Amino acid sequence: MSVPEPTAETRWRCTLCGNLTRFDVTRSSRVVEYVHLDLAGEPKVEEREVLSETLESVRCRWCNAVDQVELVDRPGAQV
């Protein structure tokens, strides 16, 4: 099931339990990263360019529902 990303006017809501704030999001990304290693060999990503990204699933953290997440209007959003 494909769940759209929230926008400035919308947010996610679990239709099963009403959760609006806690979700586990699974994404697939293809990125190019500039990694800088310090002299000890510790890596640090200094630049990241997202080439493509797919939202695979959104799971409610409260009730574990995967197919019950929908987009709803944010309070005070200008529609």
N, C-alpha and C. Protein backbone atom coordinates (compact mmCIF):
# COMPACT_ATOMS: atom_id res chain seq x y z
N MET A 1 0.85 -1.19 0.00
CA MET A 1 0.00 0.00 0.00
C MET A 1 0.89 1.24 0.00
N SER A 2 0.57 2.17 -0.85
CA SER A 2 1.35 3.40 -0.95
C SER A 2 0.68 4.50 -0.14
N VAL A 3 1.43 5.08 0.76
CA VAL A 3 0.92 6.18 1.58
C VAL A 3 1.61 7.44 1.13
N PRO A 4 0.87 8.48 0.78
CA PRO A 4 1.50 9.73 0.36
C PRO A 4 2.23 10.41 1.51
N GLU A 5 3.23 11.20 1.17
CA GLU A 5 3.98 11.98 2.15
C GLU A 5 3.11 13.12 2.67
N PRO A 6 3.25 13.47 3.95
CA PRO A 6 2.55 14.65 4.45
C PRO A 6 3.09 15.92 3.79
N THR A 7 2.25 16.92 3.73
CA THR A 7 2.62 18.21 3.16
C THR A 7 2.49 19.28 4.24
N ALA A 8 2.63 20.52 3.86
CA ALA A 8 2.45 21.62 4.80
C ALA A 8 1.00 21.71 5.29
N GLU A 9 0.07 21.17 4.52
CA GLU A 9 -1.34 21.22 4.87
C GLU A 9 -1.88 19.91 5.44
N THR A 10 -1.11 18.82 5.37
CA THR A 10 -1.61 17.51 5.80
C THR A 10 -0.65 16.84 6.77
N ARG A 11 -1.15 15.81 7.45
CA ARG A 11 -0.33 14.98 8.33
C ARG A 11 -0.92 13.57 8.35
N TRP A 12 -0.14 12.62 8.87
CA TRP A 12 -0.61 11.25 8.96
C TRP A 12 -1.50 11.06 10.18
N ARG A 13 -2.43 10.12 10.05
CA ARG A 13 -3.31 9.73 11.15
C ARG A 13 -3.63 8.25 10.99
N CYS A 14 -3.53 7.50 12.07
CA CYS A 14 -3.92 6.10 12.05
C CYS A 14 -5.44 6.03 12.23
N THR A 15 -6.11 5.40 11.28
CA THR A 15 -7.58 5.31 11.36
C THR A 15 -8.03 4.29 12.39
N LEU A 16 -7.12 3.41 12.82
CA LEU A 16 -7.48 2.38 13.79
C LEU A 16 -7.48 2.92 15.23
N CYS A 17 -6.41 3.65 15.61
CA CYS A 17 -6.29 4.10 17.00
C CYS A 17 -6.29 5.62 17.16
N GLY A 18 -6.18 6.37 16.06
CA GLY A 18 -6.20 7.83 16.13
C GLY A 18 -4.84 8.48 16.31
N ASN A 19 -3.76 7.71 16.36
CA ASN A 19 -2.41 8.25 16.52
C ASN A 19 -2.11 9.30 15.46
N LEU A 20 -1.53 10.41 15.89
CA LEU A 20 -1.13 11.48 14.98
C LEU A 20 0.37 11.79 15.05
N THR A 21 1.10 11.13 15.95
CA THR A 21 2.45 11.60 16.23
C THR A 21 3.56 10.56 16.12
N ARG A 22 3.30 9.27 16.14
CA ARG A 22 4.37 8.27 16.17
C ARG A 22 4.18 7.23 15.08
N PHE A 23 5.12 7.20 14.14
CA PHE A 23 5.06 6.26 13.02
C PHE A 23 6.44 5.73 12.70
N ASP A 24 6.51 4.47 12.29
CA ASP A 24 7.74 3.89 11.76
C ASP A 24 7.64 3.95 10.24
N VAL A 25 8.60 4.63 9.60
CA VAL A 25 8.56 4.85 8.16
C VAL A 25 9.68 4.03 7.51
N THR A 26 9.31 3.23 6.51
CA THR A 26 10.29 2.46 5.75
C THR A 26 10.45 3.10 4.39
N ARG A 27 11.70 3.47 4.06
CA ARG A 27 12.00 4.12 2.79
C ARG A 27 13.12 3.37 2.08
N SER A 28 13.10 3.44 0.77
CA SER A 28 14.23 3.01 -0.05
C SER A 28 14.81 4.25 -0.69
N SER A 29 16.12 4.43 -0.54
CA SER A 29 16.76 5.63 -1.07
C SER A 29 17.97 5.26 -1.91
N ARG A 30 18.20 6.07 -2.91
CA ARG A 30 19.43 6.00 -3.70
C ARG A 30 20.10 7.35 -3.54
N VAL A 31 21.29 7.36 -2.93
CA VAL A 31 21.94 8.61 -2.58
C VAL A 31 23.41 8.60 -2.99
N VAL A 32 23.93 9.81 -3.13
CA VAL A 32 25.37 10.00 -3.29
C VAL A 32 25.82 10.78 -2.06
N GLU A 33 26.82 10.25 -1.36
CA GLU A 33 27.31 10.90 -0.16
C GLU A 33 28.79 11.21 -0.29
N TYR A 34 29.16 12.38 0.22
CA TYR A 34 30.57 12.73 0.34
C TYR A 34 30.94 12.39 1.79
N VAL A 35 31.80 11.40 1.92
CA VAL A 35 32.20 10.92 3.24
C VAL A 35 33.63 11.37 3.52
N HIS A 36 33.83 12.03 4.65
CA HIS A 36 35.14 12.50 5.08
C HIS A 36 35.58 11.63 6.26
N LEU A 37 36.71 10.98 6.14
CA LEU A 37 37.26 10.19 7.23
C LEU A 37 38.33 11.00 7.94
N ASP A 38 38.25 11.04 9.28
CA ASP A 38 39.31 11.75 10.01
C ASP A 38 40.55 10.85 10.06
N LEU A 39 41.61 11.34 10.66
CA LEU A 39 42.87 10.60 10.67
C LEU A 39 42.77 9.28 11.44
N ALA A 40 41.80 9.17 12.33
CA ALA A 40 41.59 7.92 13.06
C ALA A 40 40.73 6.95 12.26
N GLY A 41 40.19 7.41 11.11
CA GLY A 41 39.37 6.54 10.27
C GLY A 41 37.88 6.62 10.54
N GLU A 42 37.44 7.57 11.39
CA GLU A 42 36.02 7.73 11.68
C GLU A 42 35.33 8.49 10.54
N PRO A 43 34.30 7.88 9.93
CA PRO A 43 33.63 8.55 8.82
C PRO A 43 32.60 9.58 9.28
N LYS A 44 32.44 10.61 8.48
CA LYS A 44 31.40 11.63 8.71
C LYS A 44 30.86 12.02 7.34
N VAL A 45 29.54 11.90 7.17
CA VAL A 45 28.90 12.31 5.92
C VAL A 45 28.78 13.82 5.94
N GLU A 46 29.44 14.48 4.99
CA GLU A 46 29.41 15.94 4.95
C GLU A 46 28.45 16.49 3.91
N GLU A 47 28.16 15.70 2.88
CA GLU A 47 27.17 16.10 1.87
C GLU A 47 26.38 14.88 1.49
N ARG A 48 25.09 15.08 1.24
CA ARG A 48 24.21 13.98 0.83
C ARG A 48 23.26 14.48 -0.23
N GLU A 49 23.26 13.82 -1.37
CA GLU A 49 22.34 14.16 -2.45
C GLU A 49 21.42 12.96 -2.67
N VAL A 50 20.12 13.18 -2.53
CA VAL A 50 19.13 12.12 -2.73
C VAL A 50 18.81 12.07 -4.22
N LEU A 51 19.13 10.94 -4.85
CA LEU A 51 18.84 10.77 -6.27
C LEU A 51 17.41 10.28 -6.48
N SER A 52 16.96 9.38 -5.63
CA SER A 52 15.58 8.90 -5.67
C SER A 52 15.21 8.36 -4.30
N GLU A 53 13.93 8.43 -3.98
CA GLU A 53 13.46 7.94 -2.69
C GLU A 53 12.04 7.44 -2.84
N THR A 54 11.78 6.28 -2.26
CA THR A 54 10.46 5.68 -2.32
C THR A 54 9.98 5.39 -0.91
N LEU A 55 8.79 5.85 -0.60
CA LEU A 55 8.17 5.57 0.68
C LEU A 55 7.49 4.21 0.56
N GLU A 56 7.99 3.22 1.29
CA GLU A 56 7.47 1.85 1.17
C GLU A 56 6.30 1.59 2.09
N SER A 57 6.42 2.00 3.35
CA SER A 57 5.32 1.76 4.28
C SER A 57 5.41 2.72 5.46
N VAL A 58 4.25 2.93 6.08
CA VAL A 58 4.15 3.73 7.29
C VAL A 58 3.36 2.89 8.29
N ARG A 59 3.99 2.59 9.43
CA ARG A 59 3.37 1.74 10.45
C ARG A 59 3.11 2.57 11.69
N CYS A 60 1.92 2.45 12.24
CA CYS A 60 1.56 3.14 13.46
C CYS A 60 2.37 2.56 14.62
N ARG A 61 3.03 3.39 15.37
CA ARG A 61 3.86 2.95 16.48
C ARG A 61 3.02 2.52 17.67
N TRP A 62 1.79 3.01 17.78
CA TRP A 62 0.94 2.68 18.92
C TRP A 62 0.27 1.32 18.76
N CYS A 63 -0.30 1.04 17.57
CA CYS A 63 -1.09 -0.20 17.41
C CYS A 63 -0.52 -1.14 16.35
N ASN A 64 0.61 -0.78 15.73
CA ASN A 64 1.29 -1.60 14.71
C ASN A 64 0.53 -1.75 13.40
N ALA A 65 -0.51 -0.97 13.18
CA ALA A 65 -1.27 -1.06 11.93
C ALA A 65 -0.43 -0.50 10.78
N VAL A 66 -0.41 -1.23 9.67
CA VAL A 66 0.33 -0.78 8.50
C VAL A 66 -0.62 -0.23 7.44
N ASP A 67 -1.77 -0.82 7.30
CA ASP A 67 -2.69 -0.43 6.24
C ASP A 67 -3.78 0.52 6.72
N GLN A 68 -3.56 1.18 7.83
CA GLN A 68 -4.58 2.06 8.41
C GLN A 68 -4.14 3.52 8.50
N VAL A 69 -3.03 3.89 7.85
CA VAL A 69 -2.52 5.25 7.95
C VAL A 69 -3.03 6.07 6.76
N GLU A 70 -3.58 7.24 7.06
CA GLU A 70 -4.14 8.11 6.02
C GLU A 70 -3.63 9.53 6.20
N LEU A 71 -3.86 10.35 5.21
CA LEU A 71 -3.55 11.78 5.31
C LEU A 71 -4.79 12.52 5.76
N VAL A 72 -4.60 13.43 6.71
CA VAL A 72 -5.69 14.31 7.16
C VAL A 72 -5.17 15.73 7.19
N ASP A 73 -6.08 16.70 7.20
CA ASP A 73 -5.68 18.11 7.25
C ASP A 73 -5.02 18.42 8.58
N ARG A 74 -4.02 19.31 8.53
CA ARG A 74 -3.40 19.81 9.76
C ARG A 74 -4.30 20.88 10.34
N PRO A 75 -4.31 21.04 11.66
CA PRO A 75 -5.11 22.12 12.25
C PRO A 75 -4.61 23.47 11.76
N GLY A 76 -5.53 24.31 11.39
CA GLY A 76 -5.18 25.65 10.94
C GLY A 76 -4.58 25.72 9.55
N ALA A 77 -4.56 24.60 8.82
CA ALA A 77 -3.99 24.60 7.47
C ALA A 77 -4.89 25.37 6.52
N GLN A 78 -4.26 26.13 5.64
CA GLN A 78 -5.00 26.87 4.61
C GLN A 78 -5.25 25.96 3.43
N VAL A 79 -6.47 25.52 3.26
CA VAL A 79 -6.81 24.57 2.18
C VAL A 79 -7.31 25.29 0.97
